[in-house]
Amino acid sequence: MRKSTGMGVAAIALGLTAACASGGTYAALDGSAGMRDGSDGMRAAGGAQMAGWSQASREAAAEMRRKYGEPNEMTATTLVWHNNGPWKRTTISRDEIPHHFPMPHPDVMEQTINYRVPPALFDELAQYDGSVIVERTKGEMSARCDKEGANLLALNLAHEIVTGKRTVAEARRMYVEQIMAMKAGRPAPYTERLLFQPPANGMDADVPAPSM
């Protein structure tokens, strides 16, 4: 297993903090609007139901509604879209999870693809970004942040770690560089789309124990 080296991002992260919007969230990303519209009734019900949600959660929900239409599932604490854009699933939660890389912000939106990660590389992905979540049996990998562009970035770099293109330290530096480029209006391709094709099925059901 590769060992991560020193991250070397502290100085860059200080500049990122100054560049980011107040309140610790990333600036809103541009997205295509009106891909599919939900009913007025569903929008009204969703707005009333989300009255007690955090600001970051409401902003994420508004952006996903503009881009992908109404969610497929709605509960008191979550909104869920299935097969929206490049995602197998998008889940927005009412409650924030504090995350301090690359700067303090709330994690509220988890976006999932099919993907198989070799078990030997789970440690590397955990060192890279604690908000990249891998489920071996289900064959899924998710990123959790407050903006879709940041989730795309997280998964693109996770894929490069898995395929051996970057070390953990290199991926963390690249993450900061791409976020800063996005904020400055410069090209940031890792935040714009998935740069790889997820498999149709990433499941790894393991094998029965010899005595079973």
N, C-alpha and C. Protein backbone atom coordinates (compact mmCIF):
# COMPACT_ATOMS: atom_id res chain seq x y z
N MET A 1 0.84 -1.19 0.00
CA MET A 1 0.00 0.00 0.00
C MET A 1 0.88 1.25 0.00
N ARG A 2 0.52 2.24 -0.82
CA ARG A 2 1.29 3.47 -0.85
C ARG A 2 1.09 4.23 0.45
N LYS A 3 2.12 4.90 0.91
CA LYS A 3 2.01 5.74 2.09
C LYS A 3 1.89 7.19 1.67
N SER A 4 0.95 7.92 2.27
CA SER A 4 0.79 9.33 1.93
C SER A 4 1.96 10.11 2.50
N THR A 5 2.36 11.18 1.79
CA THR A 5 3.43 12.04 2.25
C THR A 5 2.82 13.30 2.82
N GLY A 6 3.65 14.26 3.26
CA GLY A 6 3.14 15.52 3.82
C GLY A 6 2.22 16.21 2.85
N MET A 7 1.15 16.78 3.34
CA MET A 7 0.13 17.31 2.46
C MET A 7 0.54 18.60 1.78
N GLY A 8 1.23 19.47 2.49
CA GLY A 8 1.75 20.70 1.88
C GLY A 8 0.70 21.61 1.30
N VAL A 9 -0.48 21.69 1.93
CA VAL A 9 -1.53 22.55 1.37
C VAL A 9 -1.89 23.70 2.29
N ALA A 10 -1.24 23.82 3.44
CA ALA A 10 -1.69 24.82 4.42
C ALA A 10 -1.64 26.23 3.87
N ALA A 11 -0.53 26.56 3.18
CA ALA A 11 -0.41 27.93 2.67
C ALA A 11 -1.45 28.21 1.61
N ILE A 12 -1.69 27.23 0.73
CA ILE A 12 -2.69 27.43 -0.32
C ILE A 12 -4.07 27.55 0.31
N ALA A 13 -4.34 26.75 1.34
CA ALA A 13 -5.65 26.79 1.97
C ALA A 13 -5.94 28.13 2.60
N LEU A 14 -4.90 28.82 3.09
CA LEU A 14 -5.11 30.15 3.65
C LEU A 14 -5.61 31.10 2.58
N GLY A 15 -5.02 31.00 1.37
CA GLY A 15 -5.50 31.84 0.28
C GLY A 15 -6.91 31.48 -0.13
N LEU A 16 -7.21 30.18 -0.08
CA LEU A 16 -8.56 29.74 -0.42
C LEU A 16 -9.58 30.30 0.56
N THR A 17 -9.23 30.30 1.85
CA THR A 17 -10.16 30.83 2.84
C THR A 17 -10.52 32.27 2.55
N ALA A 18 -9.52 33.06 2.16
CA ALA A 18 -9.79 34.47 1.86
C ALA A 18 -10.64 34.61 0.62
N ALA A 19 -10.49 33.67 -0.33
CA ALA A 19 -11.20 33.79 -1.60
C ALA A 19 -12.63 33.31 -1.52
N CYS A 20 -12.95 32.46 -0.53
CA CYS A 20 -14.27 31.85 -0.48
C CYS A 20 -15.29 32.80 0.10
N ALA A 21 -16.53 32.46 -0.16
CA ALA A 21 -17.64 33.30 0.33
C ALA A 21 -17.73 33.22 1.83
N SER A 22 -18.30 34.26 2.44
CA SER A 22 -18.50 34.27 3.88
C SER A 22 -19.47 33.16 4.26
N GLY A 23 -19.32 32.67 5.48
CA GLY A 23 -20.18 31.59 5.96
C GLY A 23 -19.57 30.24 5.72
N GLY A 24 -18.39 30.16 5.04
CA GLY A 24 -17.68 28.91 4.93
C GLY A 24 -18.17 27.98 3.85
N THR A 25 -19.07 28.41 2.97
CA THR A 25 -19.50 27.54 1.90
C THR A 25 -18.85 27.97 0.61
N TYR A 26 -18.72 27.02 -0.33
CA TYR A 26 -18.18 27.36 -1.63
C TYR A 26 -19.20 28.19 -2.40
N ALA A 27 -18.73 29.02 -3.30
CA ALA A 27 -19.64 29.81 -4.13
C ALA A 27 -20.49 28.89 -4.99
N ALA A 28 -21.72 29.32 -5.29
CA ALA A 28 -22.62 28.50 -6.09
C ALA A 28 -22.06 28.27 -7.47
N LEU A 29 -22.27 27.05 -7.98
CA LEU A 29 -21.80 26.70 -9.32
C LEU A 29 -22.91 26.99 -10.32
N ASP A 30 -22.51 27.35 -11.53
CA ASP A 30 -23.48 27.49 -12.59
C ASP A 30 -23.95 26.11 -13.03
N GLY A 31 -25.23 25.98 -13.30
CA GLY A 31 -25.76 24.70 -13.78
C GLY A 31 -26.91 24.97 -14.71
N SER A 32 -27.17 24.02 -15.61
CA SER A 32 -28.29 24.17 -16.52
C SER A 32 -29.58 24.07 -15.74
N ALA A 33 -30.52 24.94 -16.04
CA ALA A 33 -31.77 24.99 -15.29
C ALA A 33 -32.89 24.33 -16.07
N GLY A 34 -33.89 23.89 -15.32
CA GLY A 34 -35.14 23.45 -15.93
C GLY A 34 -35.03 22.17 -16.72
N MET A 35 -34.19 21.21 -16.28
CA MET A 35 -34.10 19.95 -17.01
C MET A 35 -35.41 19.19 -16.93
N ARG A 36 -36.05 19.26 -15.77
CA ARG A 36 -37.40 18.71 -15.65
C ARG A 36 -38.08 19.41 -14.49
N ASP A 37 -39.29 19.85 -14.66
CA ASP A 37 -40.00 20.61 -13.64
C ASP A 37 -40.92 19.70 -12.85
N GLY A 38 -40.95 19.87 -11.55
CA GLY A 38 -41.92 19.19 -10.71
C GLY A 38 -43.19 20.00 -10.65
N SER A 39 -44.20 19.45 -10.01
CA SER A 39 -45.48 20.15 -9.91
C SER A 39 -45.35 21.30 -8.91
N ASP A 40 -46.21 22.31 -9.10
CA ASP A 40 -46.23 23.43 -8.16
C ASP A 40 -46.55 22.95 -6.75
N GLY A 41 -47.45 21.96 -6.65
CA GLY A 41 -47.82 21.45 -5.34
C GLY A 41 -46.65 20.81 -4.62
N MET A 42 -45.85 20.05 -5.35
CA MET A 42 -44.70 19.38 -4.73
C MET A 42 -43.67 20.41 -4.29
N ARG A 43 -43.45 21.44 -5.11
CA ARG A 43 -42.50 22.47 -4.73
C ARG A 43 -42.97 23.20 -3.47
N ALA A 44 -44.26 23.50 -3.42
CA ALA A 44 -44.80 24.19 -2.25
C ALA A 44 -44.67 23.33 -1.00
N ALA A 45 -44.99 22.03 -1.14
CA ALA A 45 -44.88 21.12 0.01
C ALA A 45 -43.43 21.00 0.45
N GLY A 46 -42.51 20.92 -0.51
CA GLY A 46 -41.10 20.82 -0.17
C GLY A 46 -40.59 22.05 0.52
N GLY A 47 -41.04 23.25 0.06
CA GLY A 47 -40.60 24.48 0.69
C GLY A 47 -41.07 24.57 2.13
N ALA A 48 -42.31 24.17 2.39
CA ALA A 48 -42.83 24.21 3.75
C ALA A 48 -42.11 23.20 4.62
N GLN A 49 -41.83 22.02 4.08
CA GLN A 49 -41.19 20.97 4.85
C GLN A 49 -39.76 21.34 5.23
N MET A 50 -39.09 22.15 4.39
CA MET A 50 -37.70 22.49 4.62
C MET A 50 -37.53 23.76 5.44
N ALA A 51 -38.58 24.26 6.03
CA ALA A 51 -38.51 25.53 6.76
C ALA A 51 -37.48 25.49 7.88
N GLY A 52 -37.28 24.35 8.51
CA GLY A 52 -36.34 24.25 9.62
C GLY A 52 -34.96 23.74 9.23
N TRP A 53 -34.71 23.58 7.92
CA TRP A 53 -33.44 23.04 7.46
C TRP A 53 -32.36 24.13 7.51
N SER A 54 -31.10 23.70 7.51
CA SER A 54 -29.99 24.65 7.51
C SER A 54 -29.95 25.42 6.20
N GLN A 55 -29.32 26.56 6.22
CA GLN A 55 -29.21 27.37 5.01
C GLN A 55 -28.46 26.62 3.91
N ALA A 56 -27.37 25.94 4.27
CA ALA A 56 -26.61 25.20 3.27
C ALA A 56 -27.45 24.11 2.63
N SER A 57 -28.27 23.43 3.42
CA SER A 57 -29.14 22.38 2.89
C SER A 57 -30.18 22.96 1.95
N ARG A 58 -30.77 24.10 2.32
CA ARG A 58 -31.77 24.72 1.46
C ARG A 58 -31.15 25.19 0.15
N GLU A 59 -29.94 25.75 0.24
CA GLU A 59 -29.26 26.20 -0.99
C GLU A 59 -28.93 25.03 -1.90
N ALA A 60 -28.45 23.94 -1.33
CA ALA A 60 -28.14 22.76 -2.15
C ALA A 60 -29.40 22.21 -2.80
N ALA A 61 -30.50 22.17 -2.04
CA ALA A 61 -31.77 21.67 -2.58
C ALA A 61 -32.26 22.56 -3.72
N ALA A 62 -32.15 23.87 -3.55
CA ALA A 62 -32.60 24.79 -4.61
C ALA A 62 -31.78 24.59 -5.88
N GLU A 63 -30.46 24.40 -5.73
CA GLU A 63 -29.62 24.19 -6.90
C GLU A 63 -29.96 22.88 -7.61
N MET A 64 -30.18 21.81 -6.85
CA MET A 64 -30.53 20.53 -7.47
C MET A 64 -31.91 20.59 -8.12
N ARG A 65 -32.84 21.31 -7.52
CA ARG A 65 -34.16 21.46 -8.14
C ARG A 65 -34.06 22.23 -9.45
N ARG A 66 -33.24 23.28 -9.47
CA ARG A 66 -33.06 24.05 -10.72
C ARG A 66 -32.46 23.17 -11.81
N LYS A 67 -31.55 22.32 -11.41
CA LYS A 67 -30.81 21.54 -12.41
C LYS A 67 -31.51 20.25 -12.80
N TYR A 68 -32.14 19.57 -11.82
CA TYR A 68 -32.66 18.22 -12.07
C TYR A 68 -34.15 18.07 -11.81
N GLY A 69 -34.83 19.14 -11.39
CA GLY A 69 -36.25 19.03 -11.11
C GLY A 69 -36.51 18.57 -9.68
N GLU A 70 -37.74 18.15 -9.42
CA GLU A 70 -38.13 17.76 -8.07
C GLU A 70 -37.51 16.42 -7.68
N PRO A 71 -37.24 16.22 -6.38
CA PRO A 71 -36.66 14.95 -5.93
C PRO A 71 -37.63 13.79 -6.11
N ASN A 72 -37.08 12.59 -6.18
CA ASN A 72 -37.90 11.39 -6.27
C ASN A 72 -38.44 10.96 -4.91
N GLU A 73 -37.74 11.34 -3.85
CA GLU A 73 -38.16 10.99 -2.50
C GLU A 73 -38.00 12.21 -1.60
N MET A 74 -38.91 12.36 -0.64
CA MET A 74 -38.85 13.48 0.28
C MET A 74 -39.32 13.02 1.64
N THR A 75 -38.48 13.22 2.66
CA THR A 75 -38.87 12.92 4.03
C THR A 75 -38.65 14.17 4.87
N ALA A 76 -38.85 14.05 6.17
CA ALA A 76 -38.64 15.19 7.05
C ALA A 76 -37.18 15.59 7.15
N THR A 77 -36.26 14.68 6.77
CA THR A 77 -34.83 14.96 6.95
C THR A 77 -33.99 14.81 5.69
N THR A 78 -34.56 14.30 4.60
CA THR A 78 -33.76 14.08 3.39
C THR A 78 -34.58 14.33 2.13
N LEU A 79 -33.86 14.73 1.08
CA LEU A 79 -34.38 14.74 -0.29
C LEU A 79 -33.49 13.82 -1.11
N VAL A 80 -34.08 13.03 -2.00
CA VAL A 80 -33.30 12.07 -2.78
C VAL A 80 -33.71 12.15 -4.25
N TRP A 81 -32.71 12.26 -5.12
CA TRP A 81 -32.88 12.14 -6.57
C TRP A 81 -32.21 10.85 -7.02
N HIS A 82 -32.84 10.13 -7.95
CA HIS A 82 -32.24 8.92 -8.51
C HIS A 82 -31.89 9.15 -9.97
N ASN A 83 -30.70 8.69 -10.35
CA ASN A 83 -30.25 8.75 -11.75
C ASN A 83 -30.38 10.17 -12.32
N ASN A 84 -29.88 11.13 -11.57
CA ASN A 84 -29.92 12.53 -12.02
C ASN A 84 -28.54 12.92 -12.56
N GLY A 85 -28.49 13.26 -13.83
CA GLY A 85 -27.21 13.62 -14.44
C GLY A 85 -26.25 12.45 -14.36
N PRO A 86 -25.01 12.67 -13.90
CA PRO A 86 -24.04 11.57 -13.83
C PRO A 86 -24.20 10.69 -12.60
N TRP A 87 -25.20 11.00 -11.75
CA TRP A 87 -25.26 10.38 -10.44
C TRP A 87 -26.22 9.20 -10.39
N LYS A 88 -25.83 8.19 -9.68
CA LYS A 88 -26.76 7.10 -9.34
C LYS A 88 -27.78 7.60 -8.33
N ARG A 89 -27.31 8.50 -7.46
CA ARG A 89 -28.20 9.00 -6.40
C ARG A 89 -27.62 10.30 -5.84
N THR A 90 -28.49 11.24 -5.56
CA THR A 90 -28.13 12.47 -4.84
C THR A 90 -29.01 12.57 -3.60
N THR A 91 -28.39 12.73 -2.45
CA THR A 91 -29.12 12.82 -1.19
C THR A 91 -28.73 14.10 -0.47
N ILE A 92 -29.70 14.95 -0.18
CA ILE A 92 -29.47 16.16 0.60
C ILE A 92 -30.07 15.96 1.97
N SER A 93 -29.28 16.25 3.00
CA SER A 93 -29.71 16.06 4.39
C SER A 93 -30.05 17.39 5.05
N ARG A 94 -30.98 17.34 5.95
CA ARG A 94 -31.36 18.53 6.71
C ARG A 94 -30.21 19.04 7.58
N ASP A 95 -29.48 18.10 8.15
CA ASP A 95 -28.47 18.45 9.14
C ASP A 95 -27.08 18.53 8.51
N GLU A 96 -26.30 19.49 8.95
CA GLU A 96 -24.95 19.70 8.44
C GLU A 96 -23.95 18.81 9.17
N ILE A 97 -22.91 18.40 8.45
CA ILE A 97 -21.77 17.72 9.03
C ILE A 97 -20.56 18.64 8.83
N PRO A 98 -19.93 19.15 9.87
CA PRO A 98 -18.79 20.05 9.69
C PRO A 98 -17.61 19.33 9.03
N HIS A 99 -17.00 20.00 8.06
CA HIS A 99 -15.84 19.45 7.34
C HIS A 99 -14.85 20.59 7.15
N HIS A 100 -13.59 20.38 7.49
CA HIS A 100 -12.60 21.46 7.51
C HIS A 100 -11.59 21.40 6.38
N PHE A 101 -11.72 20.47 5.44
CA PHE A 101 -10.81 20.44 4.28
C PHE A 101 -11.59 20.81 3.03
N PRO A 102 -11.06 21.69 2.19
CA PRO A 102 -9.82 22.44 2.34
C PRO A 102 -9.97 23.70 3.19
N MET A 103 -11.20 24.01 3.56
CA MET A 103 -11.52 25.10 4.49
C MET A 103 -12.83 24.72 5.17
N PRO A 104 -13.17 25.31 6.30
CA PRO A 104 -14.41 24.94 6.99
C PRO A 104 -15.65 25.18 6.12
N HIS A 105 -16.48 24.16 6.04
CA HIS A 105 -17.74 24.25 5.30
C HIS A 105 -18.65 23.13 5.80
N PRO A 106 -19.95 23.17 5.50
CA PRO A 106 -20.86 22.10 5.92
C PRO A 106 -21.05 21.07 4.82
N ASP A 107 -20.97 19.80 5.16
CA ASP A 107 -21.35 18.73 4.24
C ASP A 107 -22.84 18.48 4.37
N VAL A 108 -23.57 18.63 3.27
CA VAL A 108 -25.03 18.40 3.31
C VAL A 108 -25.51 17.57 2.13
N MET A 109 -24.71 17.43 1.08
CA MET A 109 -25.17 16.76 -0.14
C MET A 109 -24.22 15.63 -0.51
N GLU A 110 -24.74 14.42 -0.51
CA GLU A 110 -23.97 13.23 -0.87
C GLU A 110 -24.39 12.75 -2.25
N GLN A 111 -23.41 12.57 -3.14
CA GLN A 111 -23.70 12.15 -4.52
C GLN A 111 -22.91 10.89 -4.82
N THR A 112 -23.58 9.91 -5.43
CA THR A 112 -23.11 8.54 -5.46
C THR A 112 -23.00 8.03 -6.89
N ILE A 113 -21.95 7.23 -7.13
CA ILE A 113 -21.79 6.52 -8.40
C ILE A 113 -21.50 5.05 -8.09
N ASN A 114 -21.67 4.18 -9.11
CA ASN A 114 -21.16 2.82 -9.01
C ASN A 114 -19.65 2.85 -9.15
N TYR A 115 -18.96 2.10 -8.29
CA TYR A 115 -17.49 2.10 -8.38
C TYR A 115 -16.97 0.99 -7.48
N ARG A 116 -15.92 0.31 -7.94
CA ARG A 116 -15.27 -0.72 -7.13
C ARG A 116 -13.89 -0.25 -6.73
N VAL A 117 -13.66 -0.17 -5.43
CA VAL A 117 -12.37 0.21 -4.88
C VAL A 117 -11.71 -1.03 -4.28
N PRO A 118 -10.49 -1.38 -4.70
CA PRO A 118 -9.80 -2.50 -4.06
C PRO A 118 -9.67 -2.25 -2.56
N PRO A 119 -9.97 -3.24 -1.73
CA PRO A 119 -9.91 -3.01 -0.27
C PRO A 119 -8.57 -2.45 0.21
N ALA A 120 -7.49 -2.79 -0.46
CA ALA A 120 -6.17 -2.30 -0.04
C ALA A 120 -6.03 -0.79 -0.18
N LEU A 121 -6.93 -0.16 -0.94
CA LEU A 121 -6.83 1.29 -1.16
C LEU A 121 -7.83 2.09 -0.32
N PHE A 122 -8.60 1.43 0.52
CA PHE A 122 -9.55 2.16 1.35
C PHE A 122 -8.83 3.16 2.25
N ASP A 123 -7.69 2.76 2.80
CA ASP A 123 -6.96 3.67 3.68
C ASP A 123 -6.54 4.94 2.95
N GLU A 124 -6.06 4.78 1.70
CA GLU A 124 -5.64 5.95 0.94
C GLU A 124 -6.78 6.93 0.72
N LEU A 125 -7.96 6.40 0.40
CA LEU A 125 -9.10 7.30 0.17
C LEU A 125 -9.52 7.99 1.46
N ALA A 126 -9.43 7.31 2.58
CA ALA A 126 -9.76 7.94 3.86
C ALA A 126 -8.77 9.04 4.21
N GLN A 127 -7.49 8.83 3.89
CA GLN A 127 -6.49 9.86 4.13
C GLN A 127 -6.67 11.04 3.19
N TYR A 128 -7.09 10.77 1.99
CA TYR A 128 -7.29 11.82 0.99
C TYR A 128 -8.43 12.75 1.38
N ASP A 129 -9.60 12.19 1.70
CA ASP A 129 -10.78 13.02 1.98
C ASP A 129 -11.76 12.19 2.79
N GLY A 130 -11.99 12.59 4.03
CA GLY A 130 -12.90 11.86 4.89
C GLY A 130 -14.35 11.91 4.44
N SER A 131 -14.66 12.76 3.47
CA SER A 131 -16.02 12.84 2.93
C SER A 131 -16.17 12.11 1.61
N VAL A 132 -15.20 11.28 1.28
CA VAL A 132 -15.35 10.29 0.21
C VAL A 132 -15.69 8.97 0.89
N ILE A 133 -16.84 8.41 0.56
CA ILE A 133 -17.36 7.23 1.24
C ILE A 133 -17.42 6.07 0.26
N VAL A 134 -16.85 4.94 0.66
CA VAL A 134 -16.81 3.76 -0.20
C VAL A 134 -17.58 2.62 0.46
N GLU A 135 -18.44 1.97 -0.30
CA GLU A 135 -19.17 0.79 0.17
C GLU A 135 -18.79 -0.38 -0.72
N ARG A 136 -17.99 -1.28 -0.17
CA ARG A 136 -17.45 -2.39 -0.97
C ARG A 136 -18.55 -3.33 -1.47
N THR A 137 -19.42 -3.79 -0.58
CA THR A 137 -20.42 -4.77 -0.98
C THR A 137 -21.39 -4.20 -2.01
N LYS A 138 -21.89 -3.00 -1.77
CA LYS A 138 -22.82 -2.37 -2.72
C LYS A 138 -22.13 -1.91 -3.99
N GLY A 139 -20.81 -1.73 -3.92
CA GLY A 139 -20.09 -1.27 -5.11
C GLY A 139 -20.38 0.18 -5.43
N GLU A 140 -20.36 1.02 -4.38
CA GLU A 140 -20.64 2.44 -4.57
C GLU A 140 -19.52 3.28 -3.98
N MET A 141 -19.33 4.46 -4.58
CA MET A 141 -18.46 5.48 -4.00
C MET A 141 -19.22 6.80 -4.04
N SER A 142 -19.17 7.53 -2.94
CA SER A 142 -19.90 8.79 -2.82
C SER A 142 -18.95 9.89 -2.38
N ALA A 143 -19.32 11.11 -2.69
CA ALA A 143 -18.65 12.30 -2.16
C ALA A 143 -19.71 13.15 -1.48
N ARG A 144 -19.35 13.74 -0.36
CA ARG A 144 -20.31 14.55 0.40
C ARG A 144 -19.72 15.94 0.64
N CYS A 145 -20.42 16.96 0.18
CA CYS A 145 -19.98 18.35 0.35
C CYS A 145 -21.22 19.22 0.35
N ASP A 146 -21.09 20.49 -0.06
CA ASP A 146 -22.27 21.35 -0.16
C ASP A 146 -22.51 21.83 -1.58
N LYS A 147 -21.60 21.48 -2.52
CA LYS A 147 -21.74 21.89 -3.91
C LYS A 147 -21.43 20.71 -4.83
N GLU A 148 -22.14 20.62 -5.93
CA GLU A 148 -21.94 19.52 -6.87
C GLU A 148 -20.54 19.54 -7.46
N GLY A 149 -20.02 20.72 -7.78
CA GLY A 149 -18.68 20.80 -8.36
C GLY A 149 -17.62 20.22 -7.45
N ALA A 150 -17.76 20.45 -6.14
CA ALA A 150 -16.80 19.89 -5.18
C ALA A 150 -16.92 18.37 -5.12
N ASN A 151 -18.12 17.83 -5.26
CA ASN A 151 -18.28 16.38 -5.28
C ASN A 151 -17.68 15.77 -6.54
N LEU A 152 -17.87 16.42 -7.68
CA LEU A 152 -17.23 15.94 -8.90
C LEU A 152 -15.71 15.92 -8.74
N LEU A 153 -15.17 16.99 -8.19
CA LEU A 153 -13.74 17.09 -7.96
C LEU A 153 -13.24 15.98 -7.05
N ALA A 154 -13.96 15.75 -5.95
CA ALA A 154 -13.54 14.73 -4.99
C ALA A 154 -13.49 13.35 -5.62
N LEU A 155 -14.49 13.02 -6.43
CA LEU A 155 -14.52 11.69 -7.03
C LEU A 155 -13.53 11.56 -8.18
N ASN A 156 -13.34 12.61 -8.95
CA ASN A 156 -12.32 12.55 -10.01
C ASN A 156 -10.94 12.26 -9.44
N LEU A 157 -10.61 12.90 -8.33
CA LEU A 157 -9.29 12.68 -7.72
C LEU A 157 -9.24 11.34 -7.00
N ALA A 158 -10.35 10.89 -6.41
CA ALA A 158 -10.38 9.55 -5.82
C ALA A 158 -10.08 8.50 -6.87
N HIS A 159 -10.67 8.66 -8.05
CA HIS A 159 -10.41 7.73 -9.16
C HIS A 159 -8.93 7.73 -9.53
N GLU A 160 -8.30 8.89 -9.52
CA GLU A 160 -6.88 8.95 -9.87
C GLU A 160 -6.00 8.30 -8.80
N ILE A 161 -6.42 8.36 -7.55
CA ILE A 161 -5.69 7.63 -6.50
C ILE A 161 -5.83 6.13 -6.72
N VAL A 162 -7.05 5.68 -6.98
CA VAL A 162 -7.30 4.24 -7.18
C VAL A 162 -6.53 3.71 -8.37
N THR A 163 -6.44 4.49 -9.44
CA THR A 163 -5.77 4.03 -10.66
C THR A 163 -4.27 4.30 -10.65
N GLY A 164 -3.76 4.87 -9.57
CA GLY A 164 -2.33 5.08 -9.43
C GLY A 164 -1.78 6.32 -10.11
N LYS A 165 -2.65 7.20 -10.57
CA LYS A 165 -2.18 8.40 -11.26
C LYS A 165 -1.63 9.43 -10.28
N ARG A 166 -2.21 9.49 -9.06
CA ARG A 166 -1.77 10.48 -8.06
C ARG A 166 -1.63 9.81 -6.70
N THR A 167 -0.72 10.33 -5.89
CA THR A 167 -0.65 9.95 -4.49
C THR A 167 -1.69 10.75 -3.71
N VAL A 168 -1.86 10.38 -2.44
CA VAL A 168 -2.79 11.10 -1.58
C VAL A 168 -2.40 12.58 -1.49
N ALA A 169 -1.11 12.84 -1.25
CA ALA A 169 -0.66 14.22 -1.11
C ALA A 169 -0.87 15.00 -2.40
N GLU A 170 -0.60 14.39 -3.53
CA GLU A 170 -0.80 15.07 -4.82
C GLU A 170 -2.28 15.37 -5.05
N ALA A 171 -3.14 14.42 -4.68
CA ALA A 171 -4.57 14.62 -4.87
C ALA A 171 -5.09 15.76 -3.99
N ARG A 172 -4.60 15.85 -2.76
CA ARG A 172 -5.05 16.93 -1.88
C ARG A 172 -4.59 18.28 -2.40
N ARG A 173 -3.38 18.36 -2.92
CA ARG A 173 -2.92 19.63 -3.50
C ARG A 173 -3.75 19.99 -4.72
N MET A 174 -4.03 19.00 -5.56
CA MET A 174 -4.82 19.26 -6.76
C MET A 174 -6.24 19.70 -6.40
N TYR A 175 -6.79 19.12 -5.35
CA TYR A 175 -8.13 19.52 -4.90
C TYR A 175 -8.15 21.02 -4.59
N VAL A 176 -7.18 21.47 -3.81
CA VAL A 176 -7.13 22.89 -3.44
C VAL A 176 -6.95 23.76 -4.69
N GLU A 177 -6.05 23.36 -5.57
CA GLU A 177 -5.80 24.15 -6.79
C GLU A 177 -7.05 24.28 -7.64
N GLN A 178 -7.81 23.20 -7.79
CA GLN A 178 -9.00 23.23 -8.64
C GLN A 178 -10.11 24.08 -8.00
N ILE A 179 -10.28 23.99 -6.68
CA ILE A 179 -11.27 24.84 -6.01
C ILE A 179 -10.91 26.31 -6.18
N MET A 180 -9.64 26.64 -6.02
CA MET A 180 -9.21 28.03 -6.17
C MET A 180 -9.42 28.52 -7.60
N ALA A 181 -9.14 27.65 -8.57
CA ALA A 181 -9.35 28.03 -9.97
C ALA A 181 -10.84 28.26 -10.24
N MET A 182 -11.68 27.41 -9.73
CA MET A 182 -13.13 27.57 -9.90
C MET A 182 -13.60 28.89 -9.30
N LYS A 183 -13.10 29.20 -8.10
CA LYS A 183 -13.49 30.45 -7.44
C LYS A 183 -13.06 31.68 -8.23
N ALA A 184 -11.89 31.57 -8.89
CA ALA A 184 -11.35 32.71 -9.63
C ALA A 184 -11.91 32.80 -11.04
N GLY A 185 -12.78 31.88 -11.43
CA GLY A 185 -13.33 31.89 -12.77
C GLY A 185 -12.40 31.34 -13.82
N ARG A 186 -11.34 30.66 -13.38
CA ARG A 186 -10.43 30.03 -14.33
C ARG A 186 -10.91 28.62 -14.63
N PRO A 187 -10.42 28.01 -15.73
CA PRO A 187 -10.82 26.63 -16.03
C PRO A 187 -10.50 25.70 -14.86
N ALA A 188 -11.48 24.88 -14.51
CA ALA A 188 -11.31 23.90 -13.43
C ALA A 188 -12.04 22.63 -13.86
N PRO A 189 -11.49 21.90 -14.81
CA PRO A 189 -12.22 20.79 -15.43
C PRO A 189 -12.62 19.68 -14.45
N TYR A 190 -11.86 19.51 -13.37
CA TYR A 190 -12.20 18.46 -12.42
C TYR A 190 -13.49 18.77 -11.66
N THR A 191 -13.94 20.01 -11.66
CA THR A 191 -15.17 20.40 -10.97
C THR A 191 -16.37 20.44 -11.90
N GLU A 192 -16.16 20.18 -13.18
CA GLU A 192 -17.22 20.41 -14.17
C GLU A 192 -17.95 19.14 -14.60
N ARG A 193 -17.27 18.00 -14.54
CA ARG A 193 -17.90 16.74 -14.95
C ARG A 193 -17.04 15.59 -14.45
N LEU A 194 -17.63 14.39 -14.46
CA LEU A 194 -16.82 13.21 -14.18
C LEU A 194 -15.87 12.98 -15.35
N LEU A 195 -14.61 12.77 -15.05
CA LEU A 195 -13.59 12.59 -16.09
C LEU A 195 -13.32 11.12 -16.36
N PHE A 196 -14.20 10.25 -15.89
CA PHE A 196 -14.11 8.81 -16.13
C PHE A 196 -15.52 8.26 -16.21
N GLN A 197 -15.64 7.06 -16.74
CA GLN A 197 -16.95 6.43 -16.86
C GLN A 197 -17.16 5.43 -15.73
N PRO A 198 -18.11 5.67 -14.83
CA PRO A 198 -18.36 4.69 -13.78
C PRO A 198 -18.85 3.37 -14.36
N PRO A 199 -18.53 2.27 -13.71
CA PRO A 199 -19.00 0.97 -14.22
C PRO A 199 -20.50 0.81 -14.04
N ALA A 200 -21.09 -0.07 -14.81
CA ALA A 200 -22.51 -0.35 -14.65
C ALA A 200 -22.80 -1.01 -13.31
N ASN A 201 -21.82 -1.75 -12.80
CA ASN A 201 -21.99 -2.46 -11.52
C ASN A 201 -20.63 -2.55 -10.85
N GLY A 202 -20.53 -2.05 -9.63
CA GLY A 202 -19.26 -2.10 -8.91
C GLY A 202 -19.28 -3.04 -7.73
N MET A 203 -20.30 -3.89 -7.61
CA MET A 203 -20.50 -4.71 -6.42
C MET A 203 -19.35 -5.70 -6.20
N ASP A 204 -19.03 -5.91 -4.92
CA ASP A 204 -18.04 -6.90 -4.52
C ASP A 204 -18.64 -7.66 -3.35
N ALA A 205 -19.26 -8.81 -3.64
CA ALA A 205 -19.97 -9.57 -2.62
C ALA A 205 -19.05 -10.42 -1.76
N ASP A 206 -17.73 -10.37 -2.01
CA ASP A 206 -16.76 -11.15 -1.24
C ASP A 206 -16.99 -12.64 -1.51
N VAL A 207 -16.43 -13.52 -0.67
CA VAL A 207 -16.56 -14.98 -0.86
C VAL A 207 -16.93 -15.60 0.48
N PRO A 208 -17.61 -16.76 0.44
CA PRO A 208 -17.93 -17.42 1.71
C PRO A 208 -16.68 -17.87 2.44
N ALA A 209 -16.73 -17.86 3.76
CA ALA A 209 -15.63 -18.38 4.55
C ALA A 209 -15.47 -19.88 4.27
N PRO A 210 -14.24 -20.40 4.33
CA PRO A 210 -13.99 -21.82 3.96
C PRO A 210 -14.84 -22.82 4.75
N SER A 211 -15.18 -22.52 5.98
CA SER A 211 -15.92 -23.48 6.80
C SER A 211 -17.41 -23.37 6.63
N MET A 212 -17.88 -22.42 5.83
CA MET A 212 -19.32 -22.22 5.68
C MET A 212 -19.89 -23.04 4.53
